[in-house]
Amino acid sequence: MTSDEKYILEGIVLEEQTRVINHLSGALDSLAHRDHATARATAFVSASINGATYALREWVGPQEAAAMLRKLADAIDVQAAKQ
């Protein structure tokens, strides 16, 4: 894999990671009013996802990590559409 390909894959992983974080942040916002508890929970979830994404990239590689994150975000989209 060339450095350009690796850079592109890392970008895809980051996009999918951001998508998952945004979905979960939206879910937290819908559960509670904007207060300090929600902000702390959002920060905790974001930090957890960032760490998990890094580990996932290292474990399965950037392509598989992006695919797994995309599946997770798509599943969240489906659940949100049902509600």
Protein backbone atom coordinates (compact mmCIF):
# COMPACT_ATOMS: atom_id res chain seq x y z
CA MET A 1 0.00 0.00 0.00
CA THR A 2 1.42 3.37 -0.98
CA SER A 3 1.54 6.30 1.40
CA ASP A 4 -1.16 8.07 -0.66
CA GLU A 5 -3.48 5.06 -0.36
CA LYS A 6 -2.83 4.84 3.36
CA TYR A 7 -3.59 8.57 3.73
CA ILE A 8 -6.88 8.17 1.84
CA LEU A 9 -7.89 5.16 3.97
CA GLU A 10 -7.06 7.02 7.17
CA GLY A 11 -9.33 9.83 5.96
CA ILE A 12 -12.15 7.37 5.35
CA VAL A 13 -11.69 5.90 8.83
CA LEU A 14 -11.81 9.38 10.38
CA GLU A 15 -14.97 10.25 8.41
CA GLU A 16 -16.75 7.11 9.60
CA GLN A 17 -15.53 7.66 13.16
CA THR A 18 -16.90 11.20 13.09
CA ARG A 19 -20.19 9.93 11.70
CA VAL A 20 -20.57 7.45 14.57
CA ILE A 21 -19.64 10.11 17.14
CA ASN A 22 -22.19 12.52 15.64
CA HIS A 23 -24.94 9.90 15.79
CA LEU A 24 -24.21 9.07 19.41
CA SER A 25 -23.97 12.74 20.35
CA GLY A 26 -27.36 13.32 18.75
CA ALA A 27 -28.80 10.42 20.72
CA LEU A 28 -27.42 11.86 23.96
CA ASP A 29 -28.83 15.27 23.10
CA SER A 30 -32.27 13.82 22.49
CA LEU A 31 -32.21 12.05 25.86
CA ALA A 32 -31.36 15.06 27.98
CA HIS A 33 -31.26 18.82 27.91
CA ARG A 34 -27.97 20.51 27.24
CA ASP A 35 -26.38 20.58 30.66
CA HIS A 36 -23.07 19.63 32.16
CA ALA A 37 -24.00 15.96 32.54
CA THR A 38 -24.77 15.68 28.82
CA ALA A 39 -21.55 17.46 27.89
CA ARG A 40 -19.54 15.11 30.11
CA ALA A 41 -21.30 12.06 28.67
CA THR A 42 -20.67 13.30 25.12
CA ALA A 43 -16.99 13.86 25.89
CA PHE A 44 -16.72 10.38 27.42
CA VAL A 45 -18.42 8.71 24.44
CA SER A 46 -16.27 10.66 21.97
CA ALA A 47 -13.07 9.76 23.79
CA SER A 48 -14.12 6.12 23.97
CA ILE A 49 -14.91 5.98 20.26
CA ASN A 50 -11.65 7.71 19.38
CA GLY A 51 -9.67 5.16 21.40
CA ALA A 52 -11.67 2.23 20.05
CA THR A 53 -11.25 3.45 16.48
CA TYR A 54 -7.49 3.75 16.89
CA ALA A 55 -7.33 0.22 18.31
CA LEU A 56 -9.57 -1.08 15.53
CA ARG A 57 -7.34 0.47 12.84
CA GLU A 58 -4.27 -1.11 14.44
CA TRP A 59 -5.96 -4.50 14.85
CA VAL A 60 -7.74 -5.03 11.53
CA GLY A 61 -6.25 -2.31 9.32
CA PRO A 62 -7.74 0.90 8.00
CA GLN A 63 -9.90 -0.65 5.26
CA GLU A 64 -11.64 -3.13 7.55
CA ALA A 65 -11.94 -0.50 10.30
CA ALA A 66 -13.68 1.87 7.89
CA ALA A 67 -16.03 -0.90 6.78
CA MET A 68 -16.89 -1.83 10.36
CA LEU A 69 -17.50 1.80 11.35
CA ARG A 70 -19.65 2.30 8.25
CA LYS A 71 -21.78 -0.73 9.22
CA LEU A 72 -22.20 0.63 12.73
CA ALA A 73 -23.19 4.09 11.49
CA ASP A 74 -25.59 2.56 8.93
CA ALA A 75 -27.21 0.45 11.66
CA ILE A 76 -27.66 3.59 13.77
CA ASP A 77 -29.24 5.32 10.74
CA VAL A 78 -31.69 2.43 10.33
CA GLN A 79 -32.66 2.51 14.00
CA ALA A 80 -33.09 6.28 13.95
CA ALA A 81 -35.33 6.04 10.87
CA LYS A 82 -37.57 3.52 12.65
CA GLN A 83 -38.20 5.92 15.53
